[in-house]
Amino acid sequence: MKQVIKNQFLFNWLLFTLALHLSLIAHSSILFISDRDWNSEIYIMDANGNNPRNLTNNPKEDSNPSWSPDKQQIVFQRSSNAKGGGKGKKEGGNNDIYVMDKEGKNLRQLTDHPGDDHHPTWSPDGKQIAFVSNRGGGKETAIYVVDTDGNNLRRLTNDAKLTWITSPNWSPDGKQIVFASWVIDKGAKEKSSEIYVINANGKDLRQVTKDAKLAWTESPNWSPDGKQIVFTASAAGKKGNGIYLIDSNGKNLRQLTNNLSDNTDPVWSPDGRQIIFSSERTGNYEIYIMDNNGENLRNLTNHPAPDYQPSWFTASLLSITLTNNLKVTTWAQTK
């Protein structure tokens, strides 16, 4: 009898979490960066591209936004310089990590360091934020992880051959982080940029991309089921950057876009069926969406100013926990 009750409870809990997950997906929104107000601002729009509005309205350059798992907060980087360079231009000033709520209010600064802190990303359980920094000194960059209250900072990567790390992204189960890095091997005449994965405890670094045809890689992003990674890459000797897909074990590499312009910043839809990205194929960066096989391409934005760095909210079951009284609650907001 006890086993029947237990099984019924587990079944009901799974139904609840599934319903919550689907509800969050149905109300998903897309963050992106736009220069339409003459500097880099964080915008939000509906998943169909409608209803864009500015969340930051700040003279300083804001970029690389990432949703919290409960869709209540947004982490991003802010430059100390006003009127930042925008897409395709060098970022100015020193960057630190900030958090605001989904309406763009209640801003708080998470890091405050002379080093450059950038590319923040929220962990699936909502407890940590990973980011890249050169605070270790010199030109070297590394991935750091900090609790969402700004405490318990620790360095995750320590491999000397990783010379310039960018774009960390957590796996859906929170156990691994994928990132891109320039690499110098002993005896090598040229640098190469590859996709790597490391455990969330800083152990077991492994290289995902090993195809000699890829001269440069960036912006890796896990699929919602954790089986694939989408990323940006340029092919040796060819113009422009394309969107590529690879299995998380490093196998089955395929190219999704064939346009000779820059195609960057790919991100999965919550259900894994679509991919959004930014592209300069019309002479101006816009946000596009396509099916996960590269077909059915269409615009989400169409504005004279550049739109780029999309971030699609993805509901995570890791943000849902059971309490002692058998109620289901989402993780608490950070202090």
Protein backbone atom coordinates (compact mmCIF):
# COMPACT_ATOMS: atom_id res chain seq x y z
CA MET A 1 0.00 0.00 0.00
CA LYS A 2 2.83 2.38 0.92
CA GLN A 3 4.51 1.66 -2.39
CA VAL A 4 1.31 2.46 -4.28
CA ILE A 5 1.00 5.80 -2.44
CA LYS A 6 4.65 6.57 -3.14
CA ASN A 7 4.28 5.75 -6.82
CA GLN A 8 1.13 7.89 -7.06
CA PHE A 9 2.91 10.81 -5.41
CA LEU A 10 5.86 10.53 -7.79
CA PHE A 11 3.49 10.34 -10.75
CA ASN A 12 1.59 13.44 -9.60
CA TRP A 13 4.84 15.31 -9.00
CA LEU A 14 6.08 14.47 -12.49
CA LEU A 15 2.80 15.68 -13.99
CA PHE A 16 3.08 18.90 -12.01
CA THR A 17 6.67 19.58 -13.03
CA LEU A 18 5.87 18.75 -16.65
CA ALA A 19 2.89 21.13 -16.61
CA LEU A 20 5.04 23.83 -15.02
CA HIS A 21 7.78 23.25 -17.56
CA LEU A 22 5.37 23.51 -20.48
CA SER A 23 3.77 26.60 -18.99
CA LEU A 24 7.14 28.32 -18.68
CA ILE A 25 7.98 27.40 -22.27
CA ALA A 26 4.65 28.75 -23.48
CA HIS A 27 5.49 32.10 -21.90
CA SER A 28 9.11 32.11 -23.05
CA SER A 29 10.76 35.36 -24.04
CA ILE A 30 13.93 36.26 -25.92
CA LEU A 31 16.54 38.69 -24.68
CA PHE A 32 18.87 40.35 -27.16
CA ILE A 33 21.27 43.24 -27.50
CA SER A 34 20.47 46.15 -29.78
CA ASP A 35 22.12 49.42 -30.69
CA ARG A 36 18.81 50.99 -31.73
CA ASP A 37 19.08 53.50 -28.86
CA TRP A 38 22.60 54.49 -29.97
CA ASN A 39 24.43 52.22 -27.53
CA SER A 40 24.29 48.56 -26.58
CA GLU A 41 21.14 47.92 -24.53
CA ILE A 42 19.35 44.77 -23.38
CA TYR A 43 15.99 44.28 -25.06
CA ILE A 44 13.28 41.70 -24.55
CA MET A 45 10.75 40.46 -27.10
CA ASP A 46 8.13 37.78 -27.43
CA ALA A 47 9.24 34.46 -28.91
CA ASN A 48 7.65 35.42 -32.25
CA GLY A 49 9.66 38.66 -32.44
CA ASN A 50 6.82 40.96 -31.40
CA ASN A 51 6.71 43.57 -28.64
CA PRO A 52 10.43 44.51 -28.33
CA ARG A 53 11.24 46.86 -25.43
CA ASN A 54 14.37 48.22 -23.78
CA LEU A 55 15.15 46.84 -20.29
CA THR A 56 18.31 48.74 -19.38
CA ASN A 57 18.06 52.33 -20.71
CA ASN A 58 21.57 53.10 -19.53
CA PRO A 59 24.32 55.12 -21.24
CA LYS A 60 26.87 52.37 -20.52
CA GLU A 61 27.35 49.34 -22.75
CA ASP A 62 25.33 46.26 -21.67
CA SER A 63 25.78 42.84 -23.26
CA ASN A 64 25.68 39.04 -22.95
CA PRO A 65 22.41 38.63 -20.98
CA SER A 66 21.42 35.28 -19.45
CA TRP A 67 18.11 34.27 -17.85
CA SER A 68 17.82 32.84 -14.35
CA PRO A 69 16.13 29.39 -14.36
CA ASP A 70 12.90 30.77 -12.89
CA LYS A 71 12.77 33.63 -15.43
CA GLN A 72 12.69 36.22 -12.67
CA GLN A 73 16.18 37.69 -13.07
CA ILE A 74 18.75 38.46 -15.74
CA VAL A 75 22.53 38.45 -15.37
CA PHE A 76 24.65 40.47 -17.81
CA GLN A 77 27.90 42.38 -18.22
CA ARG A 78 28.15 46.17 -18.12
CA SER A 79 31.08 48.25 -19.34
CA SER A 80 32.48 51.18 -17.39
CA ASN A 81 32.42 53.18 -20.63
CA ALA A 82 29.40 55.00 -21.97
CA LYS A 83 28.29 54.68 -25.58
CA GLY A 84 29.96 51.32 -26.18
CA GLY A 85 31.21 50.21 -29.55
CA GLY A 86 28.33 47.93 -30.52
CA LYS A 87 28.31 44.78 -32.63
CA GLY A 88 31.49 44.15 -34.55
CA LYS A 89 33.38 46.87 -32.68
CA LYS A 90 35.82 46.45 -29.84
CA GLU A 91 34.22 46.67 -26.41
CA GLY A 92 35.45 49.61 -24.40
CA GLY A 93 36.17 50.01 -20.71
CA ASN A 94 36.19 47.49 -17.92
CA ASN A 95 33.29 45.02 -17.60
CA ASP A 96 31.65 43.80 -14.41
CA ILE A 97 28.73 41.42 -13.81
CA TYR A 98 25.29 42.79 -12.89
CA VAL A 99 21.90 41.28 -12.06
CA MET A 100 18.45 42.82 -12.54
CA ASP A 101 14.92 41.52 -12.41
CA LYS A 102 12.98 40.62 -15.55
CA GLU A 103 11.46 44.12 -15.78
CA GLY A 104 14.91 45.73 -15.73
CA LYS A 105 14.54 46.94 -12.13
CA ASN A 106 16.33 46.22 -8.83
CA LEU A 107 19.80 46.38 -10.36
CA ARG A 108 22.70 45.10 -8.28
CA GLN A 109 26.39 44.71 -9.06
CA LEU A 110 27.70 41.16 -8.57
CA THR A 111 31.41 41.73 -9.26
CA ASP A 112 33.62 44.77 -8.75
CA HIS A 113 37.17 44.12 -9.85
CA PRO A 114 39.86 45.91 -11.91
CA GLY A 115 39.94 42.82 -14.13
CA ASP A 116 37.51 42.34 -16.99
CA ASP A 117 34.52 40.14 -16.01
CA HIS A 118 32.31 39.08 -18.91
CA HIS A 119 30.09 36.39 -20.52
CA PRO A 120 28.05 35.48 -17.39
CA THR A 121 25.74 32.45 -17.46
CA TRP A 122 23.31 31.15 -14.84
CA SER A 123 23.53 27.56 -13.56
CA PRO A 124 20.42 25.39 -14.11
CA ASP A 125 19.73 25.14 -10.36
CA GLY A 126 19.84 28.92 -10.00
CA LYS A 127 22.52 28.87 -7.31
CA GLN A 128 25.64 29.90 -9.24
CA ILE A 129 26.84 32.13 -12.05
CA ALA A 130 29.83 31.29 -14.23
CA PHE A 131 31.73 34.04 -16.02
CA VAL A 132 35.05 34.75 -17.73
CA SER A 133 37.69 37.03 -16.23
CA ASN A 134 41.32 38.05 -16.61
CA ARG A 135 41.55 38.91 -12.90
CA GLY A 136 44.32 36.30 -12.61
CA GLY A 137 46.68 38.77 -14.25
CA GLY A 138 48.06 39.47 -17.71
CA LYS A 139 46.19 38.48 -20.84
CA GLU A 140 45.18 35.09 -19.46
CA THR A 141 41.46 34.48 -19.01
CA ALA A 142 39.73 31.79 -16.98
CA ILE A 143 36.23 30.66 -16.02
CA TYR A 144 35.16 31.63 -12.52
CA VAL A 145 32.07 30.55 -10.61
CA VAL A 146 30.35 32.61 -7.92
CA ASP A 147 27.22 32.15 -5.81
CA THR A 148 24.32 34.38 -6.81
CA ASP A 149 24.85 36.53 -3.70
CA GLY A 150 28.37 37.35 -4.86
CA ASN A 151 30.11 35.07 -2.35
CA ASN A 152 32.24 31.94 -2.68
CA LEU A 153 34.20 32.93 -5.78
CA ARG A 154 36.39 30.16 -7.20
CA ARG A 155 38.42 29.64 -10.33
CA LEU A 156 37.33 26.74 -12.53
CA THR A 157 39.90 26.50 -15.35
CA ASN A 158 43.65 26.36 -14.78
CA ASP A 159 45.07 24.80 -17.97
CA ALA A 160 47.97 26.94 -19.22
CA LYS A 161 47.33 26.11 -22.89
CA LEU A 162 43.89 27.80 -22.78
CA THR A 163 44.88 31.36 -23.63
CA TRP A 164 41.61 33.19 -24.30
CA ILE A 165 38.36 31.67 -22.99
CA THR A 166 34.90 32.90 -23.98
CA SER A 167 31.22 31.96 -23.85
CA PRO A 168 30.78 29.45 -20.99
CA ASN A 169 27.44 27.62 -20.96
CA TRP A 170 26.14 25.10 -18.40
CA SER A 171 24.91 21.66 -19.40
CA PRO A 172 21.20 21.12 -18.63
CA ASP A 173 22.02 18.87 -15.66
CA GLY A 174 24.48 21.43 -14.25
CA LYS A 175 27.35 18.94 -14.17
CA GLN A 176 29.45 20.38 -17.00
CA ILE A 177 30.31 23.68 -18.66
CA VAL A 178 31.07 24.05 -22.36
CA PHE A 179 33.19 26.96 -23.59
CA ALA A 180 35.40 28.16 -26.43
CA SER A 181 39.09 28.93 -26.07
CA TRP A 182 42.10 29.84 -28.14
CA VAL A 183 44.79 27.24 -27.65
CA ILE A 184 48.55 27.12 -28.10
CA ASP A 185 50.17 23.68 -28.10
CA LYS A 186 53.92 23.31 -27.71
CA GLY A 187 55.61 23.48 -31.08
CA ALA A 188 52.52 24.82 -32.83
CA LYS A 189 53.08 27.71 -35.23
CA GLU A 190 49.55 29.03 -35.04
CA LYS A 191 46.80 29.43 -32.51
CA SER A 192 43.55 27.55 -32.87
CA SER A 193 40.15 28.08 -31.30
CA GLU A 194 38.29 24.98 -30.09
CA ILE A 195 35.22 23.97 -28.08
CA TYR A 196 35.95 22.39 -24.70
CA VAL A 197 33.91 20.86 -21.89
CA ILE A 198 34.90 20.77 -18.23
CA ASN A 199 33.14 19.36 -15.18
CA ALA A 200 31.52 21.90 -12.88
CA ASN A 201 34.11 21.03 -10.22
CA GLY A 202 36.96 22.03 -12.56
CA LYS A 203 38.05 18.50 -13.43
CA ASP A 204 38.18 16.36 -16.59
CA LEU A 205 38.80 18.95 -19.30
CA ARG A 206 38.13 17.51 -22.76
CA GLN A 207 38.20 18.88 -26.30
CA VAL A 208 34.96 18.56 -28.31
CA THR A 209 35.91 19.98 -31.73
CA LYS A 210 38.85 18.37 -33.53
CA ASP A 211 38.10 19.04 -37.19
CA ALA A 212 41.07 20.70 -38.91
CA LYS A 213 38.67 22.48 -41.29
CA LEU A 214 37.41 24.69 -38.46
CA ALA A 215 39.75 27.64 -38.03
CA TRP A 216 37.85 29.44 -35.28
CA THR A 217 34.99 28.56 -32.90
CA GLU A 218 32.86 30.51 -30.44
CA SER A 219 29.55 30.70 -28.55
CA PRO A 220 28.79 27.03 -27.79
CA ASN A 221 25.34 26.27 -26.39
CA TRP A 222 23.97 22.97 -25.03
CA SER A 223 20.74 21.52 -26.40
CA PRO A 224 17.96 21.17 -23.79
CA ASP A 225 18.44 17.37 -23.72
CA GLY A 226 22.22 17.71 -23.33
CA LYS A 227 22.96 15.56 -26.39
CA GLN A 228 24.15 18.26 -28.80
CA ILE A 229 26.08 21.52 -28.84
CA VAL A 230 25.44 24.31 -31.33
CA PHE A 231 28.23 26.82 -31.94
CA THR A 232 29.73 29.41 -34.28
CA ALA A 233 32.74 28.53 -36.45
CA SER A 234 34.65 29.68 -39.49
CA ALA A 235 36.04 27.21 -42.00
CA ALA A 236 39.69 27.52 -42.99
CA GLY A 237 40.09 29.58 -46.14
CA LYS A 238 36.42 30.54 -46.35
CA LYS A 239 34.69 33.86 -45.77
CA GLY A 240 32.19 34.39 -42.98
CA ASN A 241 31.14 32.37 -39.94
CA GLY A 242 28.57 29.60 -39.89
CA ILE A 243 26.37 27.87 -37.34
CA TYR A 244 27.48 24.31 -36.66
CA LEU A 245 26.06 21.41 -34.68
CA ILE A 246 27.98 18.60 -33.00
CA ASP A 247 27.09 15.77 -30.63
CA SER A 248 28.30 16.43 -27.09
CA ASN A 249 30.75 13.54 -27.45
CA GLY A 250 32.47 15.34 -30.32
CA LYS A 251 30.97 13.26 -33.13
CA ASN A 252 28.63 13.99 -36.05
CA LEU A 253 29.72 17.53 -36.96
CA ARG A 254 27.41 19.27 -39.45
CA GLN A 255 26.96 22.81 -40.77
CA LEU A 256 23.51 24.41 -40.46
CA THR A 257 24.06 27.70 -42.32
CA ASN A 258 25.79 28.22 -45.65
CA ASN A 259 25.60 32.00 -45.94
CA LEU A 260 28.97 33.70 -46.48
CA SER A 261 28.18 36.51 -44.02
CA ASP A 262 28.76 36.38 -40.27
CA ASN A 263 26.32 34.07 -38.43
CA THR A 264 26.89 34.09 -34.67
CA ASP A 265 25.48 33.62 -31.13
CA PRO A 266 23.33 30.47 -31.67
CA VAL A 267 20.89 29.53 -28.89
CA TRP A 268 18.37 26.67 -28.65
CA SER A 269 14.64 27.07 -28.24
CA PRO A 270 13.26 25.62 -24.97
CA ASP A 271 11.92 22.52 -26.77
CA GLY A 272 15.12 21.98 -28.77
CA ARG A 273 13.34 22.15 -32.12
CA GLN A 274 14.64 25.54 -33.20
CA ILE A 275 17.79 27.66 -33.01
CA ILE A 276 17.98 31.45 -32.90
CA PHE A 277 21.11 33.36 -33.89
CA SER A 278 22.29 36.70 -35.21
CA SER A 279 23.37 37.18 -38.81
CA GLU A 280 24.76 39.99 -40.98
CA ARG A 281 23.47 38.45 -44.20
CA THR A 282 21.50 41.59 -45.13
CA GLY A 283 24.36 43.94 -44.27
CA ASN A 284 23.03 44.54 -40.75
CA TYR A 285 22.93 42.19 -37.76
CA GLU A 286 19.43 40.84 -37.13
CA ILE A 287 18.01 37.98 -35.03
CA TYR A 288 16.96 34.93 -37.05
CA ILE A 289 15.30 31.64 -36.20
CA MET A 290 15.56 28.29 -37.98
CA ASP A 291 14.68 24.66 -37.37
CA ASN A 292 17.41 22.59 -35.74
CA ASN A 293 18.26 21.05 -39.12
CA GLY A 294 18.96 24.48 -40.65
CA GLU A 295 15.69 24.74 -42.55
CA ASN A 296 12.72 27.15 -42.36
CA LEU A 297 14.79 30.31 -41.79
CA ARG A 298 12.98 33.58 -40.95
CA ASN A 299 13.60 36.97 -39.32
CA LEU A 300 12.64 37.82 -35.76
CA THR A 301 13.95 41.39 -35.90
CA ASN A 302 14.13 43.89 -38.73
CA HIS A 303 15.64 47.19 -37.64
CA PRO A 304 18.27 49.55 -39.11
CA ALA A 305 20.37 49.21 -35.94
CA PRO A 306 22.26 45.96 -35.15
CA ASP A 307 20.41 43.29 -33.10
CA TYR A 308 22.54 40.44 -31.71
CA GLN A 309 23.39 38.12 -28.77
CA PRO A 310 19.97 36.48 -28.34
CA SER A 311 19.17 34.57 -25.13
CA TRP A 312 16.07 32.38 -25.09
CA PHE A 313 14.61 31.53 -21.72
CA THR A 314 14.72 27.77 -21.14
CA ALA A 315 12.83 26.26 -18.21
CA SER A 316 14.94 23.82 -16.18
CA LEU A 317 13.62 21.03 -13.97
CA LEU A 318 16.74 21.53 -11.82
CA SER A 319 15.16 24.78 -10.61
CA ILE A 320 12.33 22.78 -9.04
CA THR A 321 12.82 21.17 -5.61
CA LEU A 322 10.72 19.14 -3.20
CA THR A 323 10.22 20.45 0.33
CA ASN A 324 9.57 18.38 3.44
CA ASN A 325 5.84 18.99 3.29
CA LEU A 326 5.74 17.63 -0.27
CA LYS A 327 5.03 20.94 -1.93
CA VAL A 328 6.81 21.93 -5.12
CA THR A 329 8.49 25.33 -5.13
CA THR A 330 10.90 27.19 -7.35
CA TRP A 331 14.26 28.31 -5.97
CA ALA A 332 14.25 31.51 -3.96
CA GLN A 333 15.30 34.78 -5.42
CA THR A 334 18.83 35.90 -4.63
CA LYS A 335 19.44 38.37 -1.87
